[in-house]
Amino acid sequence: MKIRAGYEIAYDCPQPTPMILELSVHPSRTADLVTWDRMKIDPPVPATTYHDGFGNFCHVIRAPAGRITLSSDFIVSDSGRPDEVAPEAPQVSLDRLPVDTLVYLMGSRYCETDRFMDLAWSLFGAVPKGWPLVQAIVDYVHHRIAFGYAFASPTKTAWMAHEERRGVCRDFAHLAVTLCRCMNVPARYCTGYLGDIGVPKDPAPMDFSAWFEAWLGGRWYTFDARHNRPRIGRILMARGRDATDVAITTSFGPNTLAAFTVITDEVPED
């Protein structure tokens, strides 16, 4: 299947403002691009592109004073298969984990493992290790937090979401990631596109989505605590420890979000 995806995002800057942008499709999906995911910047400004420490595409710009608009519109090929389910995937003991997964066991800006350790072990200490453990965590988070766009906050941590019992997809992901780490399962935060493919269409405006990956049985598997069901058509943009590492825009100066549109639609077969 083919998916059309893209965005148009505008910021009003009162002064020239440096920005780091993580809006490109992840390098792991580059080979699937049918048309190129080329960022358009209006007014045009130079951009320096690099790969960060997590392997994501990043762009550095200096936005001029006034309005700047970022956009892209592309088509990507997708298998059309839902997220893989592997109930027998085992948990890997810490001493046998690849060293590059160990960073995903540590606490981070939005994932306060120290505050959750006792709670996590009281809730999940008796659950069989491996896939059943991660699924139990996903089930808990899915039922613990009520979803609503009005509950979004850029400073909300996993602990805050747990106590408030409400949030958006990033909060579901942060809480699940934190609990997995407490239970010695490496977990990393993911962001990207997820359209309403194979499910009833959501009447709310499209947005980017957050989910997470857990290391089981020698590989990463996708989990989604908000939806708690395998989904079709994820298009990964970036991975990291939490939302800090994959922010679509990191601004080094004041600005106001002036427009925000995301598209993710299945392309009809000819």
Protein backbone atom coordinates (compact mmCIF):
# COMPACT_ATOMS: atom_id res chain seq x y z
CA MET A 1 0.00 0.00 0.00
CA LYS A 2 1.00 3.65 -0.38
CA ILE A 3 0.50 6.45 2.11
CA ARG A 4 0.51 10.18 1.48
CA ALA A 5 2.00 12.07 4.42
CA GLY A 6 3.24 15.54 5.20
CA TYR A 7 2.79 18.68 7.24
CA GLU A 8 2.59 22.47 7.17
CA ILE A 9 3.77 24.20 10.33
CA ALA A 10 4.22 27.94 10.82
CA TYR A 11 5.90 29.92 13.59
CA ASP A 12 5.92 33.65 14.30
CA CYS A 13 9.30 34.76 15.60
CA PRO A 14 9.76 38.23 17.13
CA GLN A 15 13.49 38.06 16.37
CA PRO A 16 15.88 35.81 14.41
CA THR A 17 15.66 32.43 16.14
CA PRO A 18 17.88 29.35 15.76
CA MET A 19 15.94 26.07 15.53
CA ILE A 20 16.71 22.37 15.34
CA LEU A 21 14.06 20.51 13.33
CA GLU A 22 13.30 16.78 13.44
CA LEU A 23 10.56 16.58 10.83
CA SER A 24 12.05 14.18 8.29
CA VAL A 25 11.20 10.52 7.86
CA HIS A 26 13.65 8.31 9.76
CA PRO A 27 16.59 6.96 7.73
CA SER A 28 15.26 3.41 8.25
CA ARG A 29 12.27 4.31 6.02
CA THR A 30 14.17 6.22 3.33
CA ALA A 31 14.14 3.23 0.97
CA ASP A 32 10.31 3.18 1.17
CA LEU A 33 9.88 6.73 -0.10
CA VAL A 34 8.06 6.83 -3.44
CA THR A 35 8.43 10.61 -3.64
CA TRP A 36 11.08 12.48 -1.70
CA ASP A 37 10.38 13.89 1.75
CA ARG A 38 11.82 17.34 1.02
CA MET A 39 11.34 20.06 3.58
CA LYS A 40 10.25 23.39 2.10
CA ILE A 41 11.10 26.50 4.12
CA ASP A 42 9.31 29.79 3.43
CA PRO A 43 10.98 32.23 3.35
CA PRO A 44 13.99 30.19 2.17
CA VAL A 45 16.85 29.99 4.66
CA PRO A 46 19.95 27.76 4.66
CA ALA A 47 19.67 24.48 6.56
CA THR A 48 22.45 22.29 7.91
CA THR A 49 21.48 18.61 8.01
CA TYR A 50 23.05 16.01 10.29
CA HIS A 51 22.33 12.71 12.08
CA ASP A 52 22.03 13.00 15.85
CA GLY A 53 23.31 10.45 18.37
CA PHE A 54 20.14 8.37 17.97
CA GLY A 55 20.36 8.17 14.18
CA ASN A 56 17.62 10.72 13.43
CA PHE A 57 17.70 13.31 10.64
CA CYS A 58 18.03 16.83 12.06
CA HIS A 59 18.11 20.23 10.37
CA VAL A 60 19.52 23.43 11.87
CA ILE A 61 18.11 26.73 10.64
CA ARG A 62 18.06 30.35 11.71
CA ALA A 63 14.47 31.48 11.36
CA PRO A 64 14.17 35.18 10.45
CA ALA A 65 12.00 37.60 12.37
CA GLY A 66 8.39 37.25 11.26
CA ARG A 67 6.59 34.13 10.06
CA ILE A 68 8.38 31.02 8.87
CA THR A 69 6.51 28.08 7.33
CA LEU A 70 7.86 24.52 7.16
CA SER A 71 6.15 21.98 4.90
CA SER A 72 6.52 18.65 3.14
CA ASP A 73 4.22 16.39 1.09
CA PHE A 74 5.36 12.93 0.05
CA ILE A 75 4.28 9.36 -0.62
CA VAL A 76 5.73 6.32 1.14
CA SER A 77 5.30 2.64 0.42
CA ASP A 78 4.18 0.47 3.32
CA SER A 79 3.71 -3.28 3.81
CA GLY A 80 0.13 -2.79 4.98
CA ARG A 81 0.77 -5.25 7.79
CA PRO A 82 -0.16 -4.38 11.39
CA ASP A 83 2.44 -4.10 14.15
CA GLU A 84 4.05 -7.46 14.83
CA VAL A 85 2.85 -9.44 17.83
CA ALA A 86 5.27 -11.98 19.36
CA PRO A 87 3.82 -13.37 22.61
CA GLU A 88 6.78 -15.74 23.08
CA ALA A 89 9.47 -13.02 22.80
CA PRO A 90 11.63 -13.40 25.92
CA GLN A 91 13.16 -10.76 28.14
CA VAL A 92 16.95 -10.50 27.87
CA SER A 93 18.83 -10.40 31.17
CA LEU A 94 20.66 -7.14 31.80
CA ASP A 95 24.12 -8.72 31.65
CA ARG A 96 23.36 -10.01 28.13
CA LEU A 97 21.87 -6.84 26.69
CA PRO A 98 23.72 -5.12 23.82
CA VAL A 99 25.53 -2.12 25.25
CA ASP A 100 23.71 0.28 22.93
CA THR A 101 20.37 -0.64 24.56
CA LEU A 102 21.51 0.18 28.09
CA VAL A 103 20.83 3.92 27.73
CA TYR A 104 17.16 2.98 27.33
CA LEU A 105 17.11 1.58 30.86
CA MET A 106 18.06 4.91 32.42
CA GLY A 107 15.82 7.67 33.69
CA SER A 108 15.45 10.70 31.41
CA ARG A 109 13.83 14.15 31.31
CA TYR A 110 10.24 12.90 31.10
CA CYS A 111 10.73 9.36 32.41
CA GLU A 112 11.51 9.46 36.14
CA THR A 113 12.40 5.84 36.83
CA ASP A 114 13.44 6.65 40.39
CA ARG A 115 9.91 7.76 41.30
CA PHE A 116 8.31 4.65 39.79
CA MET A 117 10.60 1.84 40.89
CA ASP A 118 8.65 0.66 43.94
CA LEU A 119 5.29 1.06 42.20
CA ALA A 120 6.45 -0.81 39.11
CA TRP A 121 7.70 -3.81 41.06
CA SER A 122 4.58 -3.91 43.22
CA LEU A 123 2.39 -3.93 40.10
CA PHE A 124 4.41 -6.13 37.75
CA GLY A 125 6.94 -8.06 39.83
CA ALA A 126 4.93 -11.29 39.60
CA VAL A 127 4.09 -10.98 35.88
CA PRO A 128 5.96 -13.43 33.60
CA LYS A 129 8.98 -11.77 31.99
CA GLY A 130 9.16 -10.88 28.33
CA TRP A 131 6.21 -10.02 26.10
CA PRO A 132 3.56 -10.68 28.83
CA LEU A 133 5.29 -8.16 31.09
CA VAL A 134 5.43 -5.40 28.47
CA GLN A 135 1.83 -6.09 27.46
CA ALA A 136 0.74 -5.89 31.11
CA ILE A 137 2.44 -2.48 31.35
CA VAL A 138 0.73 -1.33 28.15
CA ASP A 139 -2.65 -2.51 29.48
CA TYR A 140 -2.10 -0.65 32.75
CA VAL A 141 -1.13 2.61 31.05
CA HIS A 142 -3.97 2.33 28.54
CA HIS A 143 -6.52 2.11 31.35
CA ARG A 144 -4.76 4.52 33.72
CA ILE A 145 -4.71 7.56 31.41
CA ALA A 146 -7.68 9.22 29.72
CA PHE A 147 -6.82 10.63 26.29
CA GLY A 148 -7.69 14.19 25.30
CA TYR A 149 -5.96 16.90 23.24
CA ALA A 150 -6.96 19.44 25.91
CA PHE A 151 -4.72 17.54 28.36
CA ALA A 152 -1.51 18.24 26.41
CA SER A 153 1.36 19.97 28.20
CA PRO A 154 4.97 20.25 26.96
CA THR A 155 6.29 19.95 30.52
CA LYS A 156 4.20 16.97 31.67
CA THR A 157 6.31 14.03 32.86
CA ALA A 158 5.40 10.38 33.24
CA TRP A 159 4.81 10.89 36.96
CA MET A 160 2.53 13.87 36.36
CA ALA A 161 0.52 11.95 33.75
CA HIS A 162 0.22 8.98 36.10
CA GLU A 163 -1.09 11.13 38.94
CA GLU A 164 -3.38 13.30 36.78
CA ARG A 165 -4.63 10.19 34.93
CA ARG A 166 -4.98 12.10 31.68
CA GLY A 167 -2.81 13.10 28.74
CA VAL A 168 -2.02 12.72 25.06
CA CYS A 169 -0.12 10.03 23.17
CA ARG A 170 3.29 11.26 24.34
CA ASP A 171 2.16 10.82 27.95
CA PHE A 172 1.01 7.25 27.30
CA ALA A 173 4.40 6.53 25.74
CA HIS A 174 6.39 8.21 28.51
CA LEU A 175 4.61 6.29 31.25
CA ALA A 176 4.93 2.93 29.49
CA VAL A 177 8.60 3.57 28.71
CA THR A 178 9.29 4.46 32.34
CA LEU A 179 7.60 1.36 33.74
CA CYS A 180 9.41 -0.89 31.25
CA ARG A 181 12.76 0.56 32.26
CA CYS A 182 11.94 0.01 35.93
CA MET A 183 11.34 -3.66 35.09
CA ASN A 184 14.71 -3.97 33.27
CA VAL A 185 13.24 -3.86 29.75
CA PRO A 186 15.00 -1.34 27.48
CA ALA A 187 12.36 0.98 26.02
CA ARG A 188 12.68 3.92 23.66
CA TYR A 189 10.29 6.68 22.66
CA CYS A 190 9.17 7.01 19.02
CA THR A 191 7.38 9.70 17.07
CA GLY A 192 5.98 9.75 13.55
CA TYR A 193 2.87 9.54 11.42
CA LEU A 194 -0.03 7.23 12.20
CA GLY A 195 -3.13 7.67 10.09
CA ASP A 196 -6.57 6.17 10.54
CA ILE A 197 -5.84 3.16 8.34
CA GLY A 198 -7.82 0.03 9.12
CA VAL A 199 -9.71 1.77 11.94
CA PRO A 200 -12.68 4.17 12.11
CA LYS A 201 -11.66 7.69 11.13
CA ASP A 202 -11.02 10.04 14.04
CA PRO A 203 -12.90 13.32 13.49
CA ALA A 204 -10.21 15.28 15.36
CA PRO A 205 -7.52 17.02 13.26
CA MET A 206 -4.56 14.81 12.35
CA ASP A 207 -1.43 15.13 14.50
CA PHE A 208 1.90 13.40 14.78
CA SER A 209 1.78 10.32 17.01
CA ALA A 210 3.94 8.83 19.76
CA TRP A 211 4.51 5.18 20.60
CA PHE A 212 7.43 3.16 21.96
CA GLU A 213 9.66 0.20 21.24
CA ALA A 214 10.79 -2.45 23.74
CA TRP A 215 13.83 -4.71 23.39
CA LEU A 216 12.74 -8.35 23.64
CA GLY A 217 14.29 -11.51 22.27
CA GLY A 218 17.17 -9.71 20.60
CA ARG A 219 15.23 -7.01 18.69
CA TRP A 220 12.95 -4.00 19.06
CA TYR A 221 9.16 -4.45 18.98
CA THR A 222 6.54 -1.73 18.59
CA PHE A 223 3.98 -1.08 21.35
CA ASP A 224 1.31 1.60 21.55
CA ALA A 225 -0.17 2.27 25.00
CA ARG A 226 -2.68 4.81 23.75
CA HIS A 227 -4.37 2.55 21.19
CA ASN A 228 -3.35 -0.81 22.72
CA ARG A 229 -3.84 -2.68 19.47
CA PRO A 230 -1.66 -3.43 16.43
CA ARG A 231 -1.97 -0.62 13.90
CA ILE A 232 -1.23 -0.29 10.19
CA GLY A 233 0.82 2.40 8.49
CA ARG A 234 3.23 3.80 11.07
CA ILE A 235 5.84 6.07 9.48
CA LEU A 236 8.72 6.58 11.90
CA MET A 237 10.33 10.01 12.12
CA ALA A 238 12.57 9.79 15.17
CA ARG A 239 13.54 7.70 18.20
CA GLY A 240 15.13 8.69 21.48
CA ARG A 241 15.04 8.44 25.26
CA ASP A 242 11.89 10.56 25.46
CA ALA A 243 10.21 13.55 23.80
CA THR A 244 13.23 15.76 24.48
CA ASP A 245 15.29 13.82 21.96
CA VAL A 246 12.65 13.81 19.21
CA ALA A 247 10.99 17.22 19.48
CA ILE A 248 9.80 18.28 16.02
CA THR A 249 11.17 21.76 16.76
CA THR A 250 13.65 22.84 19.40
CA SER A 251 13.74 26.63 19.43
CA PHE A 252 16.44 28.80 20.98
CA GLY A 253 14.31 31.88 21.44
CA PRO A 254 10.67 32.93 21.81
CA ASN A 255 8.15 32.10 19.09
CA THR A 256 4.45 31.39 18.64
CA LEU A 257 2.95 28.44 16.79
CA ALA A 258 0.80 30.06 14.10
CA ALA A 259 -0.38 27.05 12.05
CA PHE A 260 -0.19 23.27 12.34
CA THR A 261 -1.49 20.73 9.83
CA VAL A 262 -0.51 17.06 9.45
CA ILE A 263 -1.72 14.70 6.72
CA THR A 264 -1.55 10.90 6.73
CA ASP A 265 -3.86 9.18 4.26
CA GLU A 266 -3.86 5.89 2.40
CA VAL A 267 -3.54 6.45 -1.34
CA PRO A 268 -6.44 4.70 -3.16
CA GLU A 269 -5.46 1.90 -5.50
CA ASP A 270 -5.71 2.73 -9.21
